[in-house]
Amino acid sequence: MVTLPNTKETRMVKSVAASMAIENMFVEEEFILEMVKIARGEKTAEEIIQEIIRTYKS
């Protein structure tokens, strides 16, 4: 289990994960960490999408 710092970005990610859980869509820790990178501006959503495509095309 990862502990995230209490920042505006991580609170938004936690809110998204909680909303998804309410709808019975549980996410993995790796997904949350990637979402934090997007929220912090470290990666773009497009970069994440391309990484996923590369992973599953191999």
PDB file of N, CA and C in Angstrom:
ATOM      1  N   MET A   1       0.838  -1.175   0.000  1.00  0.00           N
ATOM      2  CA  MET A   1       0.000   0.000   0.000  1.00  0.00           C
ATOM      3  C   MET A   1       0.884   1.238   0.000  1.00  0.00           C
ATOM      4  N   VAL A   2       0.531   2.193  -0.828  1.00  0.00           N
ATOM      5  CA  VAL A   2       1.294   3.424  -0.948  1.00  0.00           C
ATOM      6  C   VAL A   2       0.593   4.523  -0.148  1.00  0.00           C
ATOM      7  N   THR A   3       1.374   5.294   0.570  1.00  0.00           N
ATOM      8  CA  THR A   3       0.842   6.448   1.271  1.00  0.00           C
ATOM      9  C   THR A   3       1.189   7.682   0.459  1.00  0.00           C
ATOM     10  N   LEU A   4       0.173   8.439   0.092  1.00  0.00           N
ATOM     11  CA  LEU A   4       0.386   9.644  -0.710  1.00  0.00           C
ATOM     12  C   LEU A   4       0.389  10.866   0.183  1.00  0.00           C
ATOM     13  N   PRO A   5       1.220  11.859  -0.141  1.00  0.00           N
ATOM     14  CA  PRO A   5       1.210  13.095   0.645  1.00  0.00           C
ATOM     15  C   PRO A   5      -0.112  13.826   0.460  1.00  0.00           C
ATOM     16  N   ASN A   6      -0.454  14.646   1.415  1.00  0.00           N
ATOM     17  CA  ASN A   6      -1.713  15.375   1.370  1.00  0.00           C
ATOM     18  C   ASN A   6      -1.531  16.672   0.571  1.00  0.00           C
ATOM     19  N   THR A   7      -1.616  16.540  -0.756  1.00  0.00           N
ATOM     20  CA  THR A   7      -1.507  17.700  -1.627  1.00  0.00           C
ATOM     21  C   THR A   7      -2.777  17.814  -2.448  1.00  0.00           C
ATOM     22  N   LYS A   8      -2.944  18.949  -3.099  1.00  0.00           N
ATOM     23  CA  LYS A   8      -4.123  19.155  -3.934  1.00  0.00           C
ATOM     24  C   LYS A   8      -4.220  18.077  -5.013  1.00  0.00           C
ATOM     25  N   GLU A   9      -3.098  17.771  -5.648  1.00  0.00           N
ATOM     26  CA  GLU A   9      -3.088  16.786  -6.728  1.00  0.00           C
ATOM     27  C   GLU A   9      -3.471  15.400  -6.237  1.00  0.00           C
ATOM     28  N   THR A  10      -2.886  14.980  -5.115  1.00  0.00           N
ATOM     29  CA  THR A  10      -3.178  13.632  -4.628  1.00  0.00           C
ATOM     30  C   THR A  10      -4.602  13.532  -4.084  1.00  0.00           C
ATOM     31  N   ARG A  11      -5.124  14.609  -3.534  1.00  0.00           N
ATOM     32  CA  ARG A  11      -6.524  14.584  -3.086  1.00  0.00           C
ATOM     33  C   ARG A  11      -7.459  14.395  -4.272  1.00  0.00           C
ATOM     34  N   MET A  12      -7.135  15.005  -5.418  1.00  0.00           N
ATOM     35  CA  MET A  12      -7.957  14.817  -6.615  1.00  0.00           C
ATOM     36  C   MET A  12      -7.902  13.360  -7.066  1.00  0.00           C
ATOM     37  N   VAL A  13      -6.723  12.767  -7.059  1.00  0.00           N
ATOM     38  CA  VAL A  13      -6.571  11.369  -7.470  1.00  0.00           C
ATOM     39  C   VAL A  13      -7.331  10.451  -6.510  1.00  0.00           C
ATOM     40  N   LYS A  14      -7.217  10.720  -5.219  1.00  0.00           N
ATOM     41  CA  LYS A  14      -7.942   9.914  -4.232  1.00  0.00           C
ATOM     42  C   LYS A  14      -9.451  10.016  -4.451  1.00  0.00           C
ATOM     43  N   SER A  15      -9.912  11.199  -4.793  1.00  0.00           N
ATOM     44  CA  SER A  15     -11.330  11.402  -5.061  1.00  0.00           C
ATOM     45  C   SER A  15     -11.789  10.590  -6.267  1.00  0.00           C
ATOM     46  N   VAL A  16     -10.978  10.581  -7.316  1.00  0.00           N
ATOM     47  CA  VAL A  16     -11.300   9.792  -8.513  1.00  0.00           C
ATOM     48  C   VAL A  16     -11.354   8.315  -8.159  1.00  0.00           C
ATOM     49  N   ALA A  17     -10.347   7.824  -7.428  1.00  0.00           N
ATOM     50  CA  ALA A  17     -10.302   6.406  -7.057  1.00  0.00           C
ATOM     51  C   ALA A  17     -11.503   6.039  -6.180  1.00  0.00           C
ATOM     52  N   ALA A  18     -11.880   6.923  -5.277  1.00  0.00           N
ATOM     53  CA  ALA A  18     -13.036   6.664  -4.412  1.00  0.00           C
ATOM     54  C   ALA A  18     -14.327   6.627  -5.223  1.00  0.00           C
ATOM     55  N   SER A  19     -14.470   7.551  -6.156  1.00  0.00           N
ATOM     56  CA  SER A  19     -15.665   7.568  -7.014  1.00  0.00           C
ATOM     57  C   SER A  19     -15.760   6.289  -7.841  1.00  0.00           C
ATOM     58  N   MET A  20     -14.623   5.835  -8.336  1.00  0.00           N
ATOM     59  CA  MET A  20     -14.612   4.596  -9.118  1.00  0.00           C
ATOM     60  C   MET A  20     -14.969   3.406  -8.232  1.00  0.00           C
ATOM     61  N   ALA A  21     -14.479   3.385  -7.002  1.00  0.00           N
ATOM     62  CA  ALA A  21     -14.777   2.288  -6.080  1.00  0.00           C
ATOM     63  C   ALA A  21     -16.268   2.230  -5.761  1.00  0.00           C
ATOM     64  N   ILE A  22     -16.902   3.385  -5.639  1.00  0.00           N
ATOM     65  CA  ILE A  22     -18.345   3.419  -5.392  1.00  0.00           C
ATOM     66  C   ILE A  22     -19.087   2.708  -6.514  1.00  0.00           C
ATOM     67  N   GLU A  23     -18.555   2.800  -7.718  1.00  0.00           N
ATOM     68  CA  GLU A  23     -19.169   2.158  -8.893  1.00  0.00           C
ATOM     69  C   GLU A  23     -18.623   0.745  -9.120  1.00  0.00           C
ATOM     70  N   ASN A  24     -17.986   0.169  -8.087  1.00  0.00           N
ATOM     71  CA  ASN A  24     -17.404  -1.178  -8.153  1.00  0.00           C
ATOM     72  C   ASN A  24     -16.328  -1.309  -9.226  1.00  0.00           C
ATOM     73  N   MET A  25     -15.599  -0.235  -9.461  1.00  0.00           N
ATOM     74  CA  MET A  25     -14.462  -0.258 -10.388  1.00  0.00           C
ATOM     75  C   MET A  25     -13.214   0.033  -9.557  1.00  0.00           C
ATOM     76  N   PHE A  26     -12.598  -1.023  -9.070  1.00  0.00           N
ATOM     77  CA  PHE A  26     -11.448  -0.879  -8.196  1.00  0.00           C
ATOM     78  C   PHE A  26     -10.173  -0.825  -9.025  1.00  0.00           C
ATOM     79  N   VAL A  27      -9.293   0.093  -8.682  1.00  0.00           N
ATOM     80  CA  VAL A  27      -8.064   0.296  -9.450  1.00  0.00           C
ATOM     81  C   VAL A  27      -6.873  -0.245  -8.677  1.00  0.00           C
ATOM     82  N   GLU A  28      -5.841  -0.580  -9.428  1.00  0.00           N
ATOM     83  CA  GLU A  28      -4.621  -1.086  -8.822  1.00  0.00           C
ATOM     84  C   GLU A  28      -3.742   0.086  -8.392  1.00  0.00           C
ATOM     85  N   GLU A  29      -2.816  -0.222  -7.514  1.00  0.00           N
ATOM     86  CA  GLU A  29      -1.884   0.778  -6.993  1.00  0.00           C
ATOM     87  C   GLU A  29      -1.108   1.445  -8.128  1.00  0.00           C
ATOM     88  N   GLU A  30      -0.688   0.661  -9.105  1.00  0.00           N
ATOM     89  CA  GLU A  30       0.070   1.196 -10.240  1.00  0.00           C
ATOM     90  C   GLU A  30      -0.740   2.275 -10.976  1.00  0.00           C
ATOM     91  N   PHE A  31      -2.036   2.045 -11.140  1.00  0.00           N
ATOM     92  CA  PHE A  31      -2.913   3.014 -11.796  1.00  0.00           C
ATOM     93  C   PHE A  31      -2.930   4.329 -11.024  1.00  0.00           C
ATOM     94  N   ILE A  32      -3.045   4.232  -9.715  1.00  0.00           N
ATOM     95  CA  ILE A  32      -3.082   5.439  -8.878  1.00  0.00           C
ATOM     96  C   ILE A  32      -1.767   6.204  -8.992  1.00  0.00           C
ATOM     97  N   LEU A  33      -0.657   5.495  -8.992  1.00  0.00           N
ATOM     98  CA  LEU A  33       0.646   6.157  -9.103  1.00  0.00           C
ATOM     99  C   LEU A  33       0.798   6.864 -10.446  1.00  0.00           C
ATOM    100  N   GLU A  34       0.280   6.258 -11.508  1.00  0.00           N
ATOM    101  CA  GLU A  34       0.322   6.908 -12.823  1.00  0.00           C
ATOM    102  C   GLU A  34      -0.578   8.141 -12.841  1.00  0.00           C
ATOM    103  N   MET A  35      -1.717   8.060 -12.193  1.00  0.00           N
ATOM    104  CA  MET A  35      -2.623   9.214 -12.118  1.00  0.00           C
ATOM    105  C   MET A  35      -1.971  10.367 -11.352  1.00  0.00           C
ATOM    106  N   VAL A  36      -1.210  10.052 -10.323  1.00  0.00           N
ATOM    107  CA  VAL A  36      -0.499  11.085  -9.561  1.00  0.00           C
ATOM    108  C   VAL A  36       0.526  11.776 -10.457  1.00  0.00           C
ATOM    109  N   LYS A  37       1.220  10.994 -11.280  1.00  0.00           N
ATOM    110  CA  LYS A  37       2.198  11.584 -12.203  1.00  0.00           C
ATOM    111  C   LYS A  37       1.524  12.557 -13.167  1.00  0.00           C
ATOM    112  N   ILE A  38       0.353  12.201 -13.634  1.00  0.00           N
ATOM    113  CA  ILE A  38      -0.394  13.090 -14.520  1.00  0.00           C
ATOM    114  C   ILE A  38      -0.810  14.352 -13.762  1.00  0.00           C
ATOM    115  N   ALA A  39      -1.331  14.179 -12.554  1.00  0.00           N
ATOM    116  CA  ALA A  39      -1.793  15.322 -11.756  1.00  0.00           C
ATOM    117  C   ALA A  39      -0.646  16.277 -11.430  1.00  0.00           C
ATOM    118  N   ARG A  40       0.545  15.742 -11.239  1.00  0.00           N
ATOM    119  CA  ARG A  40       1.714  16.573 -10.921  1.00  0.00           C
ATOM    120  C   ARG A  40       2.348  17.193 -12.160  1.00  0.00           C
ATOM    121  N   GLY A  41       1.902  16.760 -13.329  1.00  0.00           N
ATOM    122  CA  GLY A  41       2.475  17.287 -14.560  1.00  0.00           C
ATOM    123  C   GLY A  41       3.748  16.582 -14.981  1.00  0.00           C
ATOM    124  N   GLU A  42       4.060  15.447 -14.363  1.00  0.00           N
ATOM    125  CA  GLU A  42       5.267  14.702 -14.697  1.00  0.00           C
ATOM    126  C   GLU A  42       5.101  13.939 -16.005  1.00  0.00           C
ATOM    127  N   LYS A  43       3.880  13.553 -16.329  1.00  0.00           N
ATOM    128  CA  LYS A  43       3.566  12.842 -17.564  1.00  0.00           C
ATOM    129  C   LYS A  43       2.235  13.372 -18.092  1.00  0.00           C
ATOM    130  N   THR A  44       2.029  13.165 -19.382  1.00  0.00           N
ATOM    131  CA  THR A  44       0.721  13.514 -19.946  1.00  0.00           C
ATOM    132  C   THR A  44      -0.101  12.238 -20.060  1.00  0.00           C
ATOM    133  N   ALA A  45      -1.397  12.419 -20.180  1.00  0.00           N
ATOM    134  CA  ALA A  45      -2.274  11.263 -20.370  1.00  0.00           C
ATOM    135  C   ALA A  45      -1.879  10.517 -21.642  1.00  0.00           C
ATOM    136  N   GLU A  46      -1.493  11.251 -22.674  1.00  0.00           N
ATOM    137  CA  GLU A  46      -1.093  10.622 -23.933  1.00  0.00           C
ATOM    138  C   GLU A  46       0.141   9.737 -23.744  1.00  0.00           C
ATOM    139  N   GLU A  47       1.099  10.171 -22.940  1.00  0.00           N
ATOM    140  CA  GLU A  47       2.280   9.352 -22.674  1.00  0.00           C
ATOM    141  C   GLU A  47       1.889   8.033 -22.003  1.00  0.00           C
ATOM    142  N   ILE A  48       0.988   8.104 -21.052  1.00  0.00           N
ATOM    143  CA  ILE A  48       0.519   6.904 -20.360  1.00  0.00           C
ATOM    144  C   ILE A  48      -0.186   5.973 -21.346  1.00  0.00           C
ATOM    145  N   ILE A  49      -1.031   6.535 -22.198  1.00  0.00           N
ATOM    146  CA  ILE A  49      -1.746   5.738 -23.197  1.00  0.00           C
ATOM    147  C   ILE A  49      -0.764   5.017 -24.103  1.00  0.00           C
ATOM    148  N   GLN A  50       0.252   5.725 -24.572  1.00  0.00           N
ATOM    149  CA  GLN A  50       1.247   5.113 -25.451  1.00  0.00           C
ATOM    150  C   GLN A  50       2.030   4.007 -24.736  1.00  0.00           C
ATOM    151  N   GLU A  51       2.333   4.184 -23.460  1.00  0.00           N
ATOM    152  CA  GLU A  51       3.024   3.155 -22.675  1.00  0.00           C
ATOM    153  C   GLU A  51       2.159   1.895 -22.583  1.00  0.00           C
ATOM    154  N   ILE A  52       0.889   2.081 -22.347  1.00  0.00           N
ATOM    155  CA  ILE A  52      -0.038   0.940 -22.250  1.00  0.00           C
ATOM    156  C   ILE A  52      -0.119   0.222 -23.592  1.00  0.00           C
ATOM    157  N   ILE A  53      -0.218   0.968 -24.673  1.00  0.00           N
ATOM    158  CA  ILE A  53      -0.279   0.366 -26.003  1.00  0.00           C
ATOM    159  C   ILE A  53       0.982  -0.452 -26.266  1.00  0.00           C
ATOM    160  N   ARG A  54       2.162   0.123 -25.954  1.00  0.00           N
ATOM    161  CA  ARG A  54       3.418  -0.601 -26.162  1.00  0.00           C
ATOM    162  C   ARG A  54       3.468  -1.885 -25.327  1.00  0.00           C
ATOM    163  N   THR A  55       2.996  -1.804 -24.095  1.00  0.00           N
ATOM    164  CA  THR A  55       3.025  -2.959 -23.215  1.00  0.00           C
ATOM    165  C   THR A  55       2.183  -4.106 -23.756  1.00  0.00           C
ATOM    166  N   TYR A  56       0.993  -3.794 -24.235  1.00  0.00           N
ATOM    167  CA  TYR A  56       0.074  -4.857 -24.649  1.00  0.00           C
ATOM    168  C   TYR A  56       0.224  -5.262 -26.107  1.00  0.00           C
ATOM    169  N   LYS A  57       0.977  -4.500 -26.898  1.00  0.00           N
ATOM    170  CA  LYS A  57       1.248  -4.893 -28.270  1.00  0.00           C
ATOM    171  C   LYS A  57       2.416  -5.868 -28.351  1.00  0.00           C
ATOM    172  N   SER A  58       3.261  -5.842 -27.345  1.00  0.00           N
ATOM    173  CA  SER A  58       4.474  -6.690 -27.346  1.00  0.00           C
ATOM    174  C   SER A  58       4.135  -8.141 -27.180  1.00  0.00           C
TER     175      SER A  58
END
